[in-house]
Amino acid sequence: MNMTMRTAGALGLGLLLSLVGVGIGTAADHVDAPGTQSSPAADITDFYAWKSGDKIVAVITFAGLKEVGQAATYSSDVVYGIHVDNDGDNQADEDVWIRFGKNGAGEWGVQVTGLAADPVVGPVETVLDGPLGLRVFAGLRDDPFFFDLQGFLQTLDTGTIAFDNTRDGFAMTNVSAIVVELSQDAVAGGGDSIQMWATTRQ
């Protein structure tokens, strides 16, 4: 599936997926977008999506640059959205909404609504199965984004390309992640391409 990026608001990222090809699209923001420092839980660091068999896998990572050993970041004040345009009009035809909350014992859980008749609800750090092929995971993960920050800064300073493909500025850092596995049939609406983007709101 081929993907190209488009922006979707201040804290949103988007992908165009062709359901007949194979490819991947990504975008990144690690604590450098305006207004994100005051609400790490609302700061989307990356949005990934790809086709796997007859499924679409979408991943929102947020609250990045956590040192190893720090806990995941959750907030009951932030609503995460994964949006799907399946007819090319740049408007969402399907929406998946994700929220976090605590139970009476103070334990964090996740709720996912949209695409399925019933919400998928369960604890974080657990794979949750729902109807229509929906699967969900929310929890802490190693930041998959690779970037040589030192080489980037040196390149800017000297004007000479100084990137080193063995130097990862994001090594030993974690992100909080939401992974949603969707049935292709549930989101495609009979079309052969879709656009997907992620948003947060408070």
Protein backbone atom coordinates (compact mmCIF):
# COMPACT_ATOMS: atom_id res chain seq x y z
CA MET A 1 0.00 0.00 0.00
CA ASN A 2 1.45 3.30 -1.06
CA MET A 3 1.21 6.22 1.34
CA THR A 4 1.80 9.92 1.20
CA MET A 5 1.56 12.37 4.06
CA ARG A 6 -0.81 15.25 4.61
CA THR A 7 -1.26 17.38 7.69
CA ALA A 8 -4.50 17.37 9.62
CA GLY A 9 -4.41 20.24 12.05
CA ALA A 10 -1.83 21.31 14.59
CA LEU A 11 -1.49 17.93 16.28
CA GLY A 12 -2.58 15.61 13.46
CA LEU A 13 -0.74 13.59 10.85
CA GLY A 14 -2.11 11.84 7.80
CA LEU A 15 -1.43 9.03 5.35
CA LEU A 16 -2.79 8.08 1.95
CA LEU A 17 -2.91 4.32 1.54
CA SER A 18 -3.45 2.49 -1.72
CA LEU A 19 -4.96 -0.86 -0.84
CA VAL A 20 -3.51 -2.53 -3.92
CA GLY A 21 0.19 -1.59 -3.51
CA VAL A 22 2.61 -1.91 -0.64
CA GLY A 23 4.37 0.94 1.15
CA ILE A 24 4.52 2.99 4.30
CA GLY A 25 4.25 6.64 5.25
CA THR A 26 5.39 8.31 8.45
CA ALA A 27 5.82 11.72 10.02
CA ALA A 28 7.42 12.81 13.25
CA ASP A 29 7.23 15.43 15.97
CA HIS A 30 9.17 14.85 19.17
CA VAL A 31 8.42 17.68 21.59
CA ASP A 32 9.05 20.36 18.96
CA ALA A 33 5.55 21.36 17.84
CA PRO A 34 4.16 24.58 19.34
CA GLY A 35 2.07 24.07 22.44
CA THR A 36 2.95 20.42 23.05
CA GLN A 37 5.22 20.88 26.07
CA SER A 38 2.29 21.72 28.34
CA SER A 39 0.45 18.50 27.46
CA PRO A 40 2.75 15.56 26.63
CA ALA A 41 -0.23 13.19 26.39
CA ALA A 42 -1.62 15.25 23.51
CA ASP A 43 1.68 15.41 21.61
CA ILE A 44 1.61 12.96 18.72
CA THR A 45 5.22 12.03 18.03
CA ASP A 46 4.52 9.74 15.05
CA PHE A 47 1.65 8.16 13.14
CA TYR A 48 2.29 4.95 11.22
CA ALA A 49 -0.08 2.85 9.11
CA TRP A 50 0.39 -0.17 6.90
CA LYS A 51 -1.49 -3.03 5.32
CA SER A 52 -0.95 -6.52 6.72
CA GLY A 53 -2.92 -9.19 4.88
CA ASP A 54 -6.56 -8.14 5.04
CA LYS A 55 -5.91 -5.82 7.99
CA ILE A 56 -4.88 -2.18 8.34
CA VAL A 57 -2.57 -1.49 11.29
CA ALA A 58 -2.46 2.09 12.59
CA VAL A 59 -0.14 3.28 15.36
CA ILE A 60 -0.19 6.58 17.21
CA THR A 61 2.84 7.27 19.38
CA PHE A 62 2.82 10.18 21.79
CA ALA A 63 4.61 11.69 24.79
CA GLY A 64 8.02 10.85 23.37
CA LEU A 65 11.59 11.05 24.61
CA LYS A 66 10.92 9.16 27.83
CA GLU A 67 14.00 7.70 29.43
CA VAL A 68 14.04 3.98 30.03
CA GLY A 69 12.35 3.20 33.34
CA GLN A 70 9.79 6.01 33.15
CA ALA A 71 6.13 5.01 33.04
CA ALA A 72 3.82 5.50 30.07
CA THR A 73 1.85 8.73 29.88
CA TYR A 74 -1.94 8.58 30.01
CA SER A 75 -4.53 11.30 30.43
CA SER A 76 -8.27 11.12 30.80
CA ASP A 77 -8.45 14.65 29.35
CA VAL A 78 -7.17 13.74 25.86
CA VAL A 79 -9.19 12.08 23.10
CA TYR A 80 -7.21 10.40 20.31
CA GLY A 81 -8.72 10.00 16.86
CA ILE A 82 -7.82 7.82 13.90
CA HIS A 83 -9.72 9.05 10.86
CA VAL A 84 -10.32 7.33 7.53
CA ASP A 85 -11.39 8.94 4.26
CA ASN A 86 -12.37 6.18 1.84
CA ASP A 87 -13.95 8.22 -0.99
CA GLY A 88 -11.27 10.85 -1.66
CA ASP A 89 -13.14 13.93 -0.44
CA ASN A 90 -10.68 14.69 2.40
CA GLN A 91 -13.43 14.15 4.97
CA ALA A 92 -13.47 11.33 7.49
CA ASP A 93 -15.89 8.53 6.60
CA GLU A 94 -14.86 6.38 9.56
CA ASP A 95 -13.52 7.47 12.93
CA VAL A 96 -11.93 5.49 15.72
CA TRP A 97 -11.85 7.27 19.09
CA ILE A 98 -9.51 6.30 21.92
CA ARG A 99 -9.72 7.46 25.54
CA PHE A 100 -7.93 6.54 28.75
CA GLY A 101 -9.36 6.42 32.24
CA LYS A 102 -8.81 4.93 35.69
CA ASN A 103 -10.89 2.39 37.58
CA GLY A 104 -11.67 2.58 41.28
CA ALA A 105 -8.29 1.03 42.12
CA GLY A 106 -6.45 3.75 40.18
CA GLU A 107 -5.45 1.40 37.34
CA TRP A 108 -5.36 2.80 33.81
CA GLY A 109 -7.55 1.37 31.09
CA VAL A 110 -8.36 2.19 27.48
CA GLN A 111 -11.66 2.51 25.61
CA VAL A 112 -11.94 2.37 21.81
CA THR A 113 -15.15 3.29 19.98
CA GLY A 114 -16.07 3.46 16.30
CA LEU A 115 -16.25 0.84 13.53
CA ALA A 116 -17.66 -1.71 15.97
CA ALA A 117 -21.11 -1.74 17.56
CA ASP A 118 -19.71 -2.08 21.06
CA PRO A 119 -16.73 -0.27 22.62
CA VAL A 120 -13.55 -2.23 23.23
CA VAL A 121 -12.57 -1.67 26.87
CA GLY A 122 -9.75 -3.13 28.92
CA PRO A 123 -6.50 -2.57 30.77
CA VAL A 124 -3.47 -0.91 29.21
CA GLU A 125 -0.40 -3.01 28.33
CA THR A 126 -2.76 -5.77 27.12
CA VAL A 127 -3.86 -6.87 23.64
CA LEU A 128 -7.65 -6.46 23.46
CA ASP A 129 -9.84 -8.18 20.87
CA GLY A 130 -13.08 -6.67 19.60
CA PRO A 131 -15.70 -7.31 16.89
CA LEU A 132 -15.11 -6.84 13.14
CA GLY A 133 -11.46 -7.83 13.44
CA LEU A 134 -10.63 -4.93 15.76
CA ARG A 135 -7.58 -5.42 18.00
CA VAL A 136 -6.11 -2.80 20.33
CA PHE A 137 -2.98 -2.32 22.38
CA ALA A 138 -2.05 0.75 24.43
CA GLY A 139 1.12 1.02 26.45
CA LEU A 140 4.81 1.83 26.60
CA ARG A 141 7.06 0.96 23.66
CA ASP A 142 10.61 1.59 22.49
CA ASP A 143 10.54 4.64 20.21
CA PRO A 144 10.88 3.18 16.69
CA PHE A 145 11.85 6.51 15.11
CA PHE A 146 15.52 6.66 14.05
CA PHE A 147 17.26 10.01 13.71
CA ASP A 148 20.86 11.22 13.96
CA LEU A 149 20.28 14.49 15.81
CA GLN A 150 23.99 15.12 16.29
CA GLY A 151 24.62 14.72 12.56
CA PHE A 152 21.65 16.94 11.73
CA LEU A 153 22.89 19.75 13.96
CA GLN A 154 26.45 19.37 12.67
CA THR A 155 25.18 19.50 9.08
CA LEU A 156 23.30 22.71 9.82
CA ASP A 157 26.33 24.23 11.52
CA THR A 158 28.96 23.34 8.91
CA GLY A 159 26.98 23.02 5.69
CA THR A 160 28.63 19.62 5.15
CA ILE A 161 26.51 16.47 5.40
CA ALA A 162 27.54 14.75 8.62
CA PHE A 163 24.92 12.03 9.15
CA ASP A 164 25.99 8.69 10.62
CA ASN A 165 23.58 5.79 10.08
CA THR A 166 24.81 4.07 13.25
CA ARG A 167 24.01 7.03 15.54
CA ASP A 168 20.41 7.13 16.78
CA GLY A 169 19.42 10.12 18.90
CA PHE A 170 16.27 8.26 19.97
CA ALA A 171 18.06 5.16 21.26
CA MET A 172 17.11 4.23 24.83
CA THR A 173 13.98 6.40 24.74
CA ASN A 174 10.38 5.25 24.92
CA VAL A 175 7.00 6.51 23.75
CA SER A 176 3.45 5.78 24.78
CA ALA A 177 1.66 3.99 21.94
CA ILE A 178 -1.81 3.13 20.72
CA VAL A 179 -1.93 0.28 18.19
CA VAL A 180 -5.21 -0.44 16.39
CA GLU A 181 -5.64 -3.32 13.95
CA LEU A 182 -8.64 -2.80 11.68
CA SER A 183 -10.37 -4.95 9.09
CA GLN A 184 -9.65 -3.55 5.62
CA ASP A 185 -13.28 -4.23 4.63
CA ALA A 186 -14.51 -2.24 7.62
CA VAL A 187 -12.65 0.92 6.60
CA ALA A 188 -12.29 0.79 2.80
CA GLY A 189 -15.96 1.24 1.90
CA GLY A 190 -15.44 -0.72 -1.30
CA GLY A 191 -12.71 1.61 -2.56
CA ASP A 192 -9.11 0.79 -3.45
CA SER A 193 -7.43 3.60 -1.53
CA ILE A 194 -7.91 5.37 1.78
CA GLN A 195 -6.45 8.35 3.59
CA MET A 196 -5.77 8.05 7.30
CA TRP A 197 -4.73 10.65 9.84
CA ALA A 198 -4.51 10.96 13.60
CA THR A 199 -5.57 13.79 15.88
CA THR A 200 -5.72 14.64 19.56
CA ARG A 201 -8.07 17.00 21.33
CA GLN A 202 -8.64 18.08 24.90
